[in-house]
Every structure is written in C-alpha cells, then in structure tokens.
C-alpha atoms as a PDB file:
ATOM      1  CA  UNK A   1      -5.617  20.792  -5.012  1.00  0.00           C
ATOM      2  CA  UNK A   2      -6.675  18.346  -2.107  1.00  0.00           C
ATOM      3  CA  UNK A   3      -9.831  17.656  -0.268  1.00  0.00           C
ATOM      4  CA  UNK A   4     -11.182  14.787   1.862  1.00  0.00           C
ATOM      5  CA  UNK A   5     -14.458  13.927   3.616  1.00  0.00           C
ATOM      6  CA  UNK A   6     -13.467  13.353   7.405  1.00  0.00           C
ATOM      7  CA  UNK A   7     -15.773  10.646   9.088  1.00  0.00           C
ATOM      8  CA  UNK A   8     -15.876   9.628  12.589  1.00  0.00           C
ATOM      9  CA  UNK A   9     -16.141   5.752  12.644  1.00  0.00           C
ATOM     10  CA  UNK A  10     -16.656   2.966  15.148  1.00  0.00           C
ATOM     11  CA  UNK A  11     -16.217  -0.499  14.234  1.00  0.00           C
ATOM     12  CA  UNK A  12     -16.032  -3.955  15.563  1.00  0.00           C
ATOM     13  CA  UNK A  13     -13.580  -6.732  15.275  1.00  0.00           C
ATOM     14  CA  UNK A  14     -15.243  -9.890  14.943  1.00  0.00           C
ATOM     15  CA  UNK A  15     -12.885 -12.784  14.992  1.00  0.00           C
ATOM     16  CA  UNK A  16     -14.215 -15.684  12.469  1.00  0.00           C
ATOM     17  CA  UNK A  17     -12.091 -18.165  14.700  1.00  0.00           C
ATOM     18  CA  UNK A  18     -13.377 -19.346  18.015  1.00  0.00           C
ATOM     19  CA  UNK A  19      -9.889 -19.514  19.602  1.00  0.00           C
ATOM     20  CA  UNK A  20      -9.422 -15.743  18.925  1.00  0.00           C
ATOM     21  CA  UNK A  21     -10.696 -12.987  20.951  1.00  0.00           C
ATOM     22  CA  UNK A  22     -10.221  -9.289  21.210  1.00  0.00           C
ATOM     23  CA  UNK A  23     -10.591  -6.720  24.038  1.00  0.00           C
ATOM     24  CA  UNK A  24     -11.876  -4.272  23.501  1.00  0.00           C
ATOM     25  CA  UNK A  25     -13.883  -5.541  20.395  1.00  0.00           C
ATOM     26  CA  UNK A  26     -14.979  -2.002  19.370  1.00  0.00           C
ATOM     27  CA  UNK A  27     -12.639   1.002  18.154  1.00  0.00           C
ATOM     28  CA  UNK A  28     -13.104   4.295  17.207  1.00  0.00           C
ATOM     29  CA  UNK A  29     -11.101   6.086  14.479  1.00  0.00           C
ATOM     30  CA  UNK A  30     -11.343   9.084  11.910  1.00  0.00           C
ATOM     31  CA  UNK A  31     -11.492   8.079   8.131  1.00  0.00           C
ATOM     32  CA  UNK A  32     -10.280  10.552   5.611  1.00  0.00           C
ATOM     33  CA  UNK A  33     -12.239   9.564   2.291  1.00  0.00           C
ATOM     34  CA  UNK A  34     -10.445  11.501  -0.634  1.00  0.00           C
ATOM     35  CA  UNK A  35     -12.921  13.832  -2.318  1.00  0.00           C
ATOM     36  CA  UNK A  36     -12.797  13.432  -6.134  1.00  0.00           C
ATOM     37  CA  UNK A  37     -11.872  16.361  -8.374  1.00  0.00           C
ATOM     38  CA  UNK A  38     -15.133  18.679  -9.092  1.00  0.00           C
ATOM     39  CA  UNK A  39     -16.446  17.403 -12.261  1.00  0.00           C
ATOM     40  CA  UNK A  40     -14.992  14.008 -12.099  1.00  0.00           C
ATOM     41  CA  UNK A  41     -16.466  10.593 -11.536  1.00  0.00           C
ATOM     42  CA  UNK A  42     -17.869  10.569  -7.793  1.00  0.00           C
ATOM     43  CA  UNK A  43     -17.444  14.382  -7.167  1.00  0.00           C
ATOM     44  CA  UNK A  44     -21.147  14.714  -6.172  1.00  0.00           C
ATOM     45  CA  UNK A  45     -20.366  12.396  -3.041  1.00  0.00           C
ATOM     46  CA  UNK A  46     -21.570  15.381  -0.763  1.00  0.00           C
ATOM     47  CA  UNK A  47     -24.726  16.066  -2.771  1.00  0.00           C
ATOM     48  CA  UNK A  48     -25.684  12.160  -2.884  1.00  0.00           C
ATOM     49  CA  UNK A  49     -24.923  11.217   0.850  1.00  0.00           C
ATOM     50  CA  UNK A  50     -24.992  14.395   2.932  1.00  0.00           C
ATOM     51  CA  UNK A  51     -27.685  16.793   4.193  1.00  0.00           C
ATOM     52  CA  UNK A  52     -26.880  19.912   6.168  1.00  0.00           C
ATOM     53  CA  UNK A  53     -23.444  18.411   7.130  1.00  0.00           C
ATOM     54  CA  UNK A  54     -24.808  15.022   8.314  1.00  0.00           C
ATOM     55  CA  UNK A  55     -25.088  11.621   6.279  1.00  0.00           C
ATOM     56  CA  UNK A  56     -28.659  11.653   4.871  1.00  0.00           C
ATOM     57  CA  UNK A  57     -28.789   7.821   4.934  1.00  0.00           C
ATOM     58  CA  UNK A  58     -26.657   6.714   7.679  1.00  0.00           C
ATOM     59  CA  UNK A  59     -27.020   2.827   7.205  1.00  0.00           C
ATOM     60  CA  UNK A  60     -25.990   3.300   3.490  1.00  0.00           C
ATOM     61  CA  UNK A  61     -22.971   5.377   4.516  1.00  0.00           C
ATOM     62  CA  UNK A  62     -22.086   2.469   7.355  1.00  0.00           C
ATOM     63  CA  UNK A  63     -22.289  -0.063   4.325  1.00  0.00           C
ATOM     64  CA  UNK A  64     -19.854   2.278   2.129  1.00  0.00           C
ATOM     65  CA  UNK A  65     -17.212   2.522   4.890  1.00  0.00           C
ATOM     66  CA  UNK A  66     -17.726  -1.349   5.833  1.00  0.00           C
ATOM     67  CA  UNK A  67     -16.834  -2.212   2.191  1.00  0.00           C
ATOM     68  CA  UNK A  68     -13.866   0.335   2.165  1.00  0.00           C
ATOM     69  CA  UNK A  69     -12.627  -0.808   5.459  1.00  0.00           C
ATOM     70  CA  UNK A  70     -13.366  -4.468   5.558  1.00  0.00           C
ATOM     71  CA  UNK A  71     -14.902  -4.398   9.120  1.00  0.00           C
ATOM     72  CA  UNK A  72     -18.613  -4.116  10.325  1.00  0.00           C
ATOM     73  CA  UNK A  73     -18.971  -0.527  11.105  1.00  0.00           C
ATOM     74  CA  UNK A  74     -21.482   0.430  13.696  1.00  0.00           C
ATOM     75  CA  UNK A  75     -21.530   3.963  13.524  1.00  0.00           C
ATOM     76  CA  UNK A  76     -20.492   6.680  11.294  1.00  0.00           C
ATOM     77  CA  UNK A  77     -20.866  10.294  11.477  1.00  0.00           C
ATOM     78  CA  UNK A  78     -19.787  13.049   8.945  1.00  0.00           C
ATOM     79  CA  UNK A  79     -17.278  15.510  10.616  1.00  0.00           C
ATOM     80  CA  UNK A  80     -16.350  17.832   7.601  1.00  0.00           C
ATOM     81  CA  UNK A  81     -14.865  18.273   4.278  1.00  0.00           C
ATOM     82  CA  UNK A  82     -11.461  19.386   4.693  1.00  0.00           C
ATOM     83  CA  UNK A  83     -10.261  21.191   1.759  1.00  0.00           C
ATOM     84  CA  UNK A  84      -7.495  23.697   0.517  1.00  0.00           C
ATOM     85  CA  UNK A  85      -8.525  27.002  -1.356  1.00  0.00           C
ATOM     86  CA  UNK A  86      -7.834  25.536  -4.696  1.00  0.00           C
ATOM     87  CA  UNK A  87     -10.076  22.599  -4.044  1.00  0.00           C
ATOM     88  CA  UNK A  88     -12.908  24.844  -2.767  1.00  0.00           C
ATOM     89  CA  UNK A  89     -12.641  27.223  -5.656  1.00  0.00           C
ATOM     90  CA  UNK A  90     -13.103  24.476  -8.051  1.00  0.00           C
ATOM     91  CA  UNK A  91     -15.774  22.998  -6.208  1.00  0.00           C
ATOM     92  CA  UNK A  92     -17.833  26.258  -6.150  1.00  0.00           C
ATOM     93  CA  UNK A  93     -17.105  26.762  -9.938  1.00  0.00           C
ATOM     94  CA  UNK A  94     -18.509  23.399 -10.734  1.00  0.00           C
ATOM     95  CA  UNK A  95     -21.426  23.765  -8.388  1.00  0.00           C
ATOM     96  CA  UNK A  96     -22.309  27.272  -9.627  1.00  0.00           C
ATOM     97  CA  UNK A  97     -22.109  25.975 -13.585  1.00  0.00           C
ATOM     98  CA  UNK A  98     -25.207  23.934 -12.668  1.00  0.00           C
ATOM     99  CA  UNK A  99     -27.427  25.143  -9.792  1.00  0.00           C
ATOM    100  CA  UNK A 100     -30.352  23.183 -10.889  1.00  0.00           C
ATOM    101  CA  UNK A 101     -28.655  20.024  -9.966  1.00  0.00           C
ATOM    102  CA  UNK A 102     -28.701  21.180  -6.544  1.00  0.00           C
ATOM    103  CA  UNK A 103     -32.112  22.854  -6.432  1.00  0.00           C
ATOM    104  CA  UNK A 104     -30.352  26.219  -5.351  1.00  0.00           C
ATOM    105  CA  UNK A 105     -30.201  29.741  -6.400  1.00  0.00           C
ATOM    106  CA  UNK A 106     -26.675  30.159  -5.432  1.00  0.00           C
ATOM    107  CA  UNK A 107     -23.553  28.299  -4.766  1.00  0.00           C
ATOM    108  CA  UNK A 108     -23.446  29.092  -1.095  1.00  0.00           C
ATOM    109  CA  UNK A 109     -26.979  27.855  -0.761  1.00  0.00           C
ATOM    110  CA  UNK A 110     -26.113  24.612  -2.477  1.00  0.00           C
ATOM    111  CA  UNK A 111     -23.123  23.908  -0.371  1.00  0.00           C
ATOM    112  CA  UNK A 112     -25.079  24.957   2.697  1.00  0.00           C
ATOM    113  CA  UNK A 113     -27.706  22.527   1.771  1.00  0.00           C
ATOM    114  CA  UNK A 114     -25.484  19.531   1.788  1.00  0.00           C
ATOM    115  CA  UNK A 115     -22.415  20.447   3.623  1.00  0.00           C
ATOM    116  CA  UNK A 116     -24.035  22.675   6.162  1.00  0.00           C
ATOM    117  CA  UNK A 117     -21.222  24.661   8.154  1.00  0.00           C
ATOM    118  CA  UNK A 118     -18.950  21.773   7.907  1.00  0.00           C
ATOM    119  CA  UNK A 119     -16.443  22.936   5.407  1.00  0.00           C
ATOM    120  CA  UNK A 120     -12.885  23.259   6.791  1.00  0.00           C
ATOM    121  CA  UNK A 121     -10.259  25.120   4.978  1.00  0.00           C
ATOM    122  CA  UNK A 122      -6.519  24.294   5.703  1.00  0.00           C
ATOM    123  CA  UNK A 123      -3.437  25.813   4.518  1.00  0.00           C
ATOM    124  CA  UNK A 124      -1.767  24.079   1.757  1.00  0.00           C
ATOM    125  CA  UNK A 125       1.501  23.879   3.064  1.00  0.00           C
END
C-alpha cells in the first residue's frame, strides 16, 4: 500500500558566501511527499491543504516544502495523489467512515472536493 502527493516545485539557490555564484539560480523539480496511511497521523493532508486538486493556501504549501527541502521555494503546484489500488481503497474506507469531517454526502464527493480529478492510480508492480 503506497501513495504520494506529487508536487511541481520551483526553488532558488541563494549562496550565503559572496564568492559563490550559481547559474542558473532557479530550478524546477518534482517532489513526491509520502502520503501517510489513512487513519494515521497526517493522513488528512489532502483535506487540510488542497481544494479541487490545488493547494488551498499556496504560501503555506511553499513554506512546508521549503522546510522539507531546505531551500527557498518560489512556486509549488499540486499535481496529483499518485496511489496504488490498496491505498485508494483504504482512503475511501477511512473517508467514508466519517463524511461529516469532509462536509460531504459521499466518499466520491469528499475526494472530489479536495483532490478534484488529480487521483492517479498506478500499478503496484
């Protein structure tokens, strides 16, 4: 059972020594943030940070990523929740167990509210 939040990130290297320079100073990369097991600490990341498949507070997302990467993050855009079937099944089960926490009438509505159409199921092999 595996899943990760996939985020496109643009960051800048800012040398602290005057005798060092970089060119280019800005880089783009893809970050894969491991999604916690549904029901465990941090599993509500998608509810707390996403809305219709985008970060609901981009500045806060940039801060979280800057802390995790150790570099200033200029831009971060949520791409997808990349998951296997087992994780998605567990996520749906956990969401469906308490729809009120998602202000939704169904599991699919809850997932759509926060992740939009950005759930990408990949083969476990």
